[in-house]
Amino acid sequence: MPQFAYYGRNANREPVEGRIEAASVANVVDTLTQTGITPVSITEVPQVQQASEVISRLLGSDKVSALELLMFTRQFYTLTKAGVPIIRALRSLEVSTQQKALKKLYAELAQALESGVELSQAMSRREDVFDPFYIAMVRIGESAGRMEEVFLGLFEHLEFQKYIKEQVKSALRYPTFVVLAMVVAIAIINIFVIPAFAKVFESLHAELPLMTRILMATSQFTLKWWPAVVGGAVLAWLGWRQYLKTTLGRLRWDRTKLRMPIVGDLVEKGVLAQGMRSLALVFRSGVPVVQGLSLSAQVIDNAHISQALVVMRSQVERGDSLLTASQRSGVFPPLVLQMIMVGEESGTLGEMLEEIGQMYQRDMEYGLKGLSQKIEPILLVLMGAMVLVLALGVFLPMWDLGKAAIK
């Protein structure tokens, strides 16, 4: 649908300008008139300009970071709590902010609201910033008149997600560094060290041990076929990425992650914490159970658990209780089921789910702190095995030659 740039005056005779999507100029005039704006000029935005804006978003020049979205949500909560009108708040934030991406986002939202569009609908035009869960929660806040509570809940939700990501990165930093160092060491040994020793061994015309022959063959293969090795690794990585984009591929991988040794338990706790807190947010906002399950299924970053919530939603629609549907799903531990039962019977389901989410969050934090200690022995064994192989392959022939020379 084409966009039109307009300039006019509101009921207070103040100048107003912005953009609006409509089928024709007549539809723009009708929409502006209904919102109390008298149009002075209306011009269609060229398609080239619209396309360039879309391309700039895809390239990331107008990308809003997760931290900026968190700040945006917190500011909106503060302003709605103070009773400031949304359009006025957006214009004030547009003037005060220094971030280019946020400034443009504030301007776009304000223009959409001035043209008569609701906030949730305006946010849906920026899917690169607001996910379906965020937009749906804002829509619920608009219909229920609880914008303050919704933005506070969204802020806590985004803050929790950011905190978990930081904790995971911190826990994996040391193991990642060690693995990368091992990969670099193996590459250097295969490319530079083994070929140098191979020339010495070949000049002696002696029978080499099996481990030495394996290392030399590996080095020769790497030097001769390294373009094919690199190309194959890149193709395998791209193929894996494409496979994960399919519904079946992501479902199988997310199910596998929950069963992995060491990290599987942490992944499950993180997903359950995310799911329980999102459910608590929607239920505290007055959302029905069926709609709450649908919203939480959208935000959970695990296709297996998300699919279970979708199945639970259909069972609740047929008349089952949330507890019965949770039991049939087979993805929730007994403690979660017990808390859900207490919440349903006492009418405090939102509070119970929030406590479950906080409990799993604490368990995950403890687990992340001990993750490096669990991975360190495995890394030490791998490094020891690598050193042993190199020692046997490189120094055994030299040891045999030394003993022969002594004799």
Protein backbone atom coordinates (compact mmCIF):
# COMPACT_ATOMS: atom_id res chain seq x y z
CA MET A 1 0.00 0.00 0.00
CA PRO A 2 1.41 3.45 -0.90
CA GLN A 3 2.49 5.97 1.71
CA PHE A 4 1.44 9.62 1.78
CA ALA A 5 3.23 12.48 3.53
CA TYR A 6 0.82 15.06 4.91
CA TYR A 7 0.94 18.48 6.53
CA GLY A 8 -2.01 19.96 8.39
CA ARG A 9 -3.33 21.47 11.59
CA ASN A 10 -4.99 19.84 14.57
CA ALA A 11 -7.97 21.06 16.59
CA ASN A 12 -5.74 23.58 18.40
CA ARG A 13 -4.51 25.00 15.07
CA GLU A 14 -1.06 23.57 15.73
CA PRO A 15 0.97 22.33 12.73
CA VAL A 16 1.09 18.56 12.35
CA GLU A 17 2.97 16.47 9.80
CA GLY A 18 3.60 12.80 9.27
CA ARG A 19 3.02 9.80 7.03
CA ILE A 20 0.13 7.45 6.56
CA GLU A 21 -0.57 4.35 4.49
CA ALA A 22 -3.74 4.51 2.41
CA ALA A 23 -5.16 3.40 -0.91
CA SER A 24 -5.69 6.93 -2.20
CA VAL A 25 -5.53 10.62 -1.29
CA ALA A 26 -9.26 10.60 -0.55
CA ASN A 27 -8.76 7.89 2.07
CA VAL A 28 -5.98 9.98 3.64
CA VAL A 29 -8.29 12.98 3.88
CA ASP A 30 -11.03 10.87 5.49
CA THR A 31 -8.61 9.37 8.03
CA LEU A 32 -7.10 12.73 8.98
CA THR A 33 -10.50 14.38 9.28
CA GLN A 34 -11.73 11.64 11.61
CA THR A 35 -8.75 12.25 13.89
CA GLY A 36 -9.36 16.02 14.04
CA ILE A 37 -6.58 17.02 11.61
CA THR A 38 -7.29 19.47 8.79
CA PRO A 39 -5.00 18.56 5.88
CA VAL A 40 -3.18 21.36 4.11
CA SER A 41 -1.02 19.33 1.73
CA ILE A 42 -0.81 15.62 0.88
CA THR A 43 1.89 14.12 -1.33
CA GLU A 44 2.59 10.50 -2.18
CA VAL A 45 5.99 9.20 -1.02
CA PRO A 46 7.94 7.86 -4.04
CA GLN A 47 8.31 4.09 -4.16
CA VAL A 48 12.08 4.50 -4.54
CA GLN A 49 12.27 6.32 -1.22
CA GLN A 50 10.13 3.68 0.49
CA ALA A 51 12.34 0.93 -0.93
CA SER A 52 15.51 2.69 0.23
CA GLU A 53 14.12 2.90 3.76
CA VAL A 54 13.38 -0.83 3.75
CA ILE A 55 16.89 -1.59 2.45
CA SER A 56 18.49 0.61 5.12
CA ARG A 57 16.62 -1.32 7.81
CA LEU A 58 17.77 -4.64 6.35
CA LEU A 59 21.37 -3.42 6.26
CA GLY A 60 21.12 -2.43 9.91
CA SER A 61 21.62 1.33 9.64
CA ASP A 62 18.34 1.90 11.51
CA LYS A 63 18.59 -1.17 13.71
CA VAL A 64 17.52 -0.71 17.32
CA SER A 65 19.66 -2.76 19.70
CA ALA A 66 18.31 -4.90 22.53
CA LEU A 67 19.64 -2.40 25.07
CA GLU A 68 17.90 0.49 23.26
CA LEU A 69 14.62 -1.45 23.18
CA LEU A 70 14.99 -2.05 26.91
CA MET A 71 15.52 1.66 27.47
CA PHE A 72 12.56 2.46 25.20
CA THR A 73 10.29 0.18 27.23
CA ARG A 74 11.45 1.61 30.55
CA GLN A 75 10.87 5.17 29.36
CA PHE A 76 7.39 4.30 28.17
CA TYR A 77 6.56 2.73 31.53
CA THR A 78 7.73 5.85 33.36
CA LEU A 79 5.78 8.19 31.08
CA THR A 80 2.55 6.17 31.14
CA LYS A 81 2.82 5.93 34.92
CA ALA A 82 3.11 9.74 35.06
CA GLY A 83 0.04 10.12 32.86
CA VAL A 84 1.84 11.80 29.94
CA PRO A 85 -0.03 11.46 26.60
CA ILE A 86 1.72 8.99 24.33
CA ILE A 87 2.14 11.31 21.33
CA ARG A 88 3.57 14.07 23.51
CA ALA A 89 5.87 11.54 25.17
CA LEU A 90 7.13 10.29 21.80
CA ARG A 91 7.84 13.80 20.54
CA SER A 92 9.69 14.66 23.77
CA LEU A 93 11.77 11.49 23.56
CA GLU A 94 12.51 12.17 19.89
CA VAL A 95 13.98 15.55 20.78
CA SER A 96 15.93 14.39 23.84
CA THR A 97 17.48 11.12 22.59
CA GLN A 98 20.92 11.05 20.98
CA GLN A 99 20.63 7.60 19.38
CA LYS A 100 19.87 7.92 15.68
CA ALA A 101 17.92 4.66 15.44
CA LEU A 102 15.77 5.48 18.47
CA LYS A 103 15.13 9.03 17.25
CA LYS A 104 13.80 7.69 13.96
CA LEU A 105 11.70 5.07 15.75
CA TYR A 106 10.11 7.73 17.99
CA ALA A 107 9.34 9.88 14.95
CA GLU A 108 7.74 7.00 13.04
CA LEU A 109 5.56 5.97 15.98
CA ALA A 110 4.50 9.56 16.66
CA GLN A 111 3.59 10.13 13.01
CA ALA A 112 1.54 6.95 12.94
CA LEU A 113 -0.33 7.89 16.13
CA GLU A 114 -1.01 11.39 14.81
CA SER A 115 -2.56 9.83 11.72
CA GLY A 116 -5.02 7.89 13.87
CA VAL A 117 -3.21 4.55 14.13
CA GLU A 118 -3.09 2.71 17.45
CA LEU A 119 0.28 2.19 19.13
CA SER A 120 0.26 -1.59 18.67
CA GLN A 121 -0.51 -1.19 14.97
CA ALA A 122 2.26 1.37 14.61
CA MET A 123 4.70 -1.01 16.32
CA SER A 124 3.67 -3.84 13.99
CA ARG A 125 5.16 -1.81 11.12
CA ARG A 126 8.58 -2.21 12.75
CA GLU A 127 8.83 -5.97 13.06
CA ASP A 128 12.61 -5.58 13.06
CA VAL A 129 12.28 -3.98 16.51
CA PHE A 130 9.13 -5.38 18.12
CA ASP A 131 8.45 -9.11 18.11
CA PRO A 132 4.88 -10.54 17.97
CA PHE A 133 4.84 -11.05 21.76
CA TYR A 134 5.69 -7.40 22.43
CA ILE A 135 3.05 -6.14 19.97
CA ALA A 136 0.40 -8.49 21.33
CA MET A 137 1.04 -7.37 24.91
CA VAL A 138 0.77 -3.70 23.91
CA ARG A 139 -2.50 -4.48 22.13
CA ILE A 140 -3.78 -6.14 25.30
CA GLY A 141 -2.75 -3.12 27.35
CA GLU A 142 -4.63 -0.83 24.96
CA SER A 143 -7.82 -2.85 25.10
CA ALA A 144 -7.72 -3.34 28.88
CA GLY A 145 -6.46 0.15 29.74
CA ARG A 146 -3.45 -1.28 31.59
CA MET A 147 -0.55 0.16 29.60
CA GLU A 148 1.47 0.96 32.70
CA GLU A 149 1.40 -2.64 33.95
CA VAL A 150 2.09 -4.05 30.49
CA PHE A 151 5.17 -1.88 29.89
CA LEU A 152 6.51 -2.67 33.35
CA GLY A 153 6.06 -6.38 32.66
CA LEU A 154 7.68 -6.08 29.24
CA PHE A 155 10.63 -4.22 30.76
CA GLU A 156 11.17 -6.97 33.34
CA HIS A 157 10.76 -9.60 30.62
CA LEU A 158 13.37 -7.98 28.34
CA GLU A 159 15.72 -7.36 31.27
CA PHE A 160 15.50 -11.03 32.21
CA GLN A 161 16.29 -12.15 28.66
CA LYS A 162 19.26 -9.79 28.47
CA TYR A 163 20.58 -10.99 31.82
CA ILE A 164 20.37 -14.65 30.82
CA LYS A 165 22.21 -14.01 27.53
CA GLU A 166 24.99 -12.19 29.37
CA GLN A 167 25.32 -15.02 31.89
CA VAL A 168 25.54 -17.63 29.13
CA LYS A 169 28.19 -15.62 27.25
CA SER A 170 30.20 -15.18 30.44
CA ALA A 171 30.06 -18.90 31.25
CA LEU A 172 31.10 -19.96 27.74
CA ARG A 173 33.86 -17.39 27.28
CA TYR A 174 36.66 -19.52 28.77
CA PRO A 175 35.72 -22.83 27.08
CA THR A 176 35.33 -21.05 23.73
CA PHE A 177 38.78 -19.48 24.08
CA VAL A 178 40.36 -22.84 24.91
CA VAL A 179 38.67 -24.61 21.97
CA LEU A 180 39.73 -21.88 19.55
CA ALA A 181 43.30 -22.06 20.86
CA MET A 182 43.30 -25.83 20.30
CA VAL A 183 42.01 -25.44 16.75
CA VAL A 184 44.68 -22.84 15.95
CA ALA A 185 47.38 -25.05 17.51
CA ILE A 186 46.31 -28.08 15.46
CA ALA A 187 46.29 -25.99 12.27
CA ILE A 188 49.81 -24.64 12.93
CA ILE A 189 51.15 -28.11 13.75
CA ASN A 190 49.66 -29.63 10.59
CA ILE A 191 50.83 -26.83 8.30
CA PHE A 192 54.30 -26.01 9.69
CA VAL A 193 55.55 -28.47 12.33
CA ILE A 194 54.73 -31.90 10.90
CA PRO A 195 56.05 -31.12 7.37
CA ALA A 196 59.40 -30.03 8.85
CA PHE A 197 59.76 -33.29 10.81
CA ALA A 198 58.53 -35.29 7.80
CA LYS A 199 61.50 -34.15 5.72
CA VAL A 200 63.91 -35.28 8.46
CA PHE A 201 62.23 -38.68 8.83
CA GLU A 202 62.18 -39.29 5.06
CA SER A 203 65.88 -38.51 4.76
CA LEU A 204 66.69 -41.23 7.30
CA HIS A 205 64.79 -43.93 5.33
CA ALA A 206 63.73 -45.57 8.56
CA GLU A 207 60.48 -47.39 9.31
CA LEU A 208 58.21 -44.95 11.14
CA PRO A 209 55.74 -45.78 13.95
CA LEU A 210 52.03 -45.93 13.14
CA MET A 211 51.22 -42.72 15.00
CA THR A 212 53.89 -40.83 13.04
CA ARG A 213 52.56 -42.13 9.72
CA ILE A 214 49.04 -41.03 10.70
CA LEU A 215 50.22 -37.51 11.58
CA MET A 216 52.18 -37.22 8.34
CA ALA A 217 49.23 -38.43 6.27
CA THR A 218 46.93 -35.99 8.01
CA SER A 219 49.33 -33.11 7.40
CA GLN A 220 49.77 -34.02 3.73
CA PHE A 221 46.01 -34.25 3.25
CA THR A 222 45.52 -30.85 4.91
CA LEU A 223 48.18 -29.16 2.77
CA LYS A 224 46.93 -30.71 -0.46
CA TRP A 225 43.18 -30.49 0.03
CA TRP A 226 42.78 -27.47 2.33
CA PRO A 227 40.55 -25.59 -0.19
CA ALA A 228 38.18 -28.56 -0.27
CA VAL A 229 38.29 -28.84 3.54
CA VAL A 230 37.49 -25.15 4.02
CA GLY A 231 34.83 -25.22 1.31
CA GLY A 232 33.25 -28.34 2.77
CA ALA A 233 33.19 -26.81 6.25
CA VAL A 234 31.52 -23.65 4.91
CA LEU A 235 28.95 -25.64 2.93
CA ALA A 236 28.26 -27.85 5.94
CA TRP A 237 27.74 -24.76 8.12
CA LEU A 238 25.41 -23.13 5.58
CA GLY A 239 23.50 -26.38 5.15
CA TRP A 240 23.13 -26.70 8.91
CA ARG A 241 21.84 -23.12 9.14
CA GLN A 242 19.28 -23.80 6.41
CA TYR A 243 18.23 -27.02 8.11
CA LEU A 244 17.63 -25.16 11.38
CA LYS A 245 15.40 -22.70 9.54
CA THR A 246 13.00 -25.52 8.66
CA THR A 247 10.25 -26.38 11.15
CA LEU A 248 11.32 -30.02 11.49
CA GLY A 249 15.02 -29.15 11.76
CA ARG A 250 14.55 -26.61 14.52
CA LEU A 251 12.17 -28.92 16.39
CA ARG A 252 14.65 -31.80 16.35
CA TRP A 253 17.61 -29.60 17.33
CA ASP A 254 15.74 -27.90 20.19
CA ARG A 255 14.64 -31.31 21.46
CA THR A 256 18.23 -32.56 21.24
CA LYS A 257 19.53 -29.55 23.19
CA LEU A 258 17.33 -30.50 26.13
CA ARG A 259 18.93 -33.98 26.23
CA MET A 260 22.57 -32.97 25.92
CA PRO A 261 24.89 -33.92 28.77
CA ILE A 262 26.05 -31.11 31.08
CA VAL A 263 24.29 -28.27 29.21
CA GLY A 264 20.92 -29.94 28.58
CA ASP A 265 19.73 -29.37 32.14
CA LEU A 266 20.74 -25.69 31.98
CA VAL A 267 18.95 -25.22 28.65
CA GLU A 268 15.79 -26.76 30.08
CA LYS A 269 15.89 -24.54 33.16
CA GLY A 270 16.44 -21.44 31.03
CA VAL A 271 13.53 -22.30 28.73
CA LEU A 272 11.24 -23.08 31.64
CA ALA A 273 12.20 -19.82 33.38
CA GLN A 274 11.49 -17.91 30.19
CA GLY A 275 8.18 -19.71 29.62
CA MET A 276 6.91 -19.43 33.18
CA ARG A 277 7.74 -15.72 33.45
CA SER A 278 6.10 -14.93 30.11
CA LEU A 279 2.98 -16.85 31.17
CA ALA A 280 2.97 -15.00 34.49
CA LEU A 281 3.20 -11.68 32.64
CA VAL A 282 0.24 -12.36 30.37
CA PHE A 283 -1.93 -13.82 33.14
CA ARG A 284 -1.21 -10.90 35.47
CA SER A 285 -2.25 -8.58 32.64
CA GLY A 286 -5.70 -10.16 32.59
CA VAL A 287 -5.20 -12.28 29.48
CA PRO A 288 -7.33 -15.47 29.19
CA VAL A 289 -5.49 -18.77 29.53
CA VAL A 290 -5.93 -19.76 25.87
CA GLN A 291 -4.57 -16.48 24.56
CA GLY A 292 -1.80 -16.49 27.17
CA LEU A 293 -0.57 -19.90 26.01
CA SER A 294 -0.51 -18.66 22.41
CA LEU A 295 1.50 -15.57 23.32
CA SER A 296 4.00 -17.51 25.42
CA ALA A 297 4.45 -20.06 22.63
CA GLN A 298 5.61 -17.19 20.41
CA VAL A 299 8.25 -15.90 22.81
CA ILE A 300 9.84 -19.18 24.02
CA ASP A 301 13.14 -19.84 22.28
CA ASN A 302 12.66 -23.60 22.01
CA ALA A 303 10.46 -25.16 19.35
CA HIS A 304 9.85 -28.32 21.41
CA ILE A 305 8.45 -26.47 24.44
CA SER A 306 6.65 -24.01 22.16
CA GLN A 307 4.91 -26.85 20.37
CA ALA A 308 3.88 -28.31 23.73
CA LEU A 309 2.25 -24.98 24.68
CA VAL A 310 0.35 -24.93 21.38
CA VAL A 311 -0.99 -28.43 22.08
CA MET A 312 -1.91 -27.35 25.61
CA ARG A 313 -3.83 -24.39 24.19
CA SER A 314 -5.94 -26.68 22.01
CA GLN A 315 -6.66 -28.93 25.00
CA VAL A 316 -7.69 -25.97 27.17
CA GLU A 317 -9.96 -24.80 24.34
CA ARG A 318 -11.68 -28.20 24.48
CA GLY A 319 -12.42 -27.69 28.17
CA ASP A 320 -9.44 -29.21 29.99
CA SER A 321 -7.87 -27.37 32.90
CA LEU A 322 -4.39 -25.93 32.61
CA LEU A 323 -3.11 -28.55 35.07
CA THR A 324 -4.51 -31.44 33.01
CA ALA A 325 -3.08 -30.03 29.79
CA SER A 326 0.31 -29.50 31.49
CA GLN A 327 0.37 -33.09 32.72
CA ARG A 328 -0.40 -34.44 29.25
CA SER A 329 2.32 -32.34 27.63
CA GLY A 330 5.04 -34.28 29.46
CA VAL A 331 7.48 -31.34 29.42
CA PHE A 332 6.97 -29.95 32.93
CA PRO A 333 8.58 -31.41 36.08
CA PRO A 334 6.33 -32.48 39.01
CA LEU A 335 7.19 -29.34 40.99
CA VAL A 336 5.86 -27.10 38.20
CA LEU A 337 2.67 -29.16 37.98
CA GLN A 338 2.18 -28.87 41.73
CA MET A 339 2.61 -25.08 41.64
CA ILE A 340 0.14 -24.82 38.73
CA MET A 341 -2.39 -26.83 40.72
CA VAL A 342 -2.00 -24.52 43.74
CA GLY A 343 -2.28 -21.45 41.51
CA GLU A 344 -5.46 -22.66 39.83
CA GLU A 345 -7.14 -23.60 43.09
CA SER A 346 -6.18 -20.36 44.87
CA GLY A 347 -6.73 -18.02 41.93
CA THR A 348 -3.10 -16.87 42.03
CA LEU A 349 -1.84 -18.57 38.89
CA GLY A 350 0.16 -15.54 37.76
CA GLU A 351 1.98 -15.27 41.08
CA MET A 352 2.71 -19.01 41.17
CA LEU A 353 4.12 -18.99 37.65
CA GLU A 354 6.29 -15.98 38.50
CA GLU A 355 7.70 -17.85 41.51
CA ILE A 356 8.42 -20.87 39.31
CA GLY A 357 10.18 -18.67 36.78
CA GLN A 358 12.30 -17.02 39.49
CA MET A 359 13.16 -20.41 40.96
CA TYR A 360 14.38 -21.77 37.62
CA GLN A 361 16.25 -18.54 36.99
CA ARG A 362 18.16 -18.95 40.27
CA ASP A 363 18.88 -22.61 39.48
CA MET A 364 20.16 -21.63 36.06
CA GLU A 365 22.40 -18.94 37.54
CA TYR A 366 23.94 -21.46 39.94
CA GLY A 367 24.37 -23.92 37.10
CA LEU A 368 26.04 -21.35 34.86
CA LYS A 369 28.51 -20.46 37.61
CA GLY A 370 29.58 -24.11 37.81
CA LEU A 371 29.50 -24.75 34.06
CA SER A 372 33.15 -23.86 33.53
CA GLN A 373 34.16 -26.24 36.33
CA LYS A 374 32.26 -29.07 34.61
CA ILE A 375 33.77 -28.35 31.20
CA GLU A 376 37.37 -27.85 32.40
CA PRO A 377 38.09 -31.60 32.97
CA ILE A 378 36.83 -32.39 29.47
CA LEU A 379 39.02 -29.70 27.96
CA LEU A 380 42.03 -30.92 29.97
CA VAL A 381 41.49 -34.47 28.71
CA LEU A 382 41.26 -33.24 25.10
CA MET A 383 44.40 -31.14 25.46
CA GLY A 384 46.22 -34.04 27.11
CA ALA A 385 45.17 -36.39 24.31
CA MET A 386 46.38 -33.89 21.69
CA VAL A 387 49.76 -33.51 23.42
CA LEU A 388 50.08 -37.28 23.80
CA VAL A 389 49.38 -37.91 20.11
CA LEU A 390 51.89 -35.28 19.07
CA ALA A 391 54.50 -36.59 21.50
CA LEU A 392 54.10 -40.17 20.28
CA GLY A 393 54.07 -39.18 16.64
CA VAL A 394 57.02 -36.77 16.72
CA PHE A 395 59.33 -37.99 19.44
CA LEU A 396 59.01 -41.81 19.12
CA PRO A 397 60.96 -41.91 15.83
CA MET A 398 63.62 -39.65 17.31
CA TRP A 399 63.79 -41.89 20.38
CA ASP A 400 64.19 -45.02 18.21
CA LEU A 401 66.91 -43.35 16.15
CA GLY A 402 68.71 -42.28 19.29
CA LYS A 403 68.69 -45.81 20.69
CA ALA A 404 69.96 -47.17 17.35
CA ALA A 405 72.80 -44.68 17.34
CA ILE A 406 73.84 -45.63 20.88
CA LYS A 407 73.97 -49.29 19.94
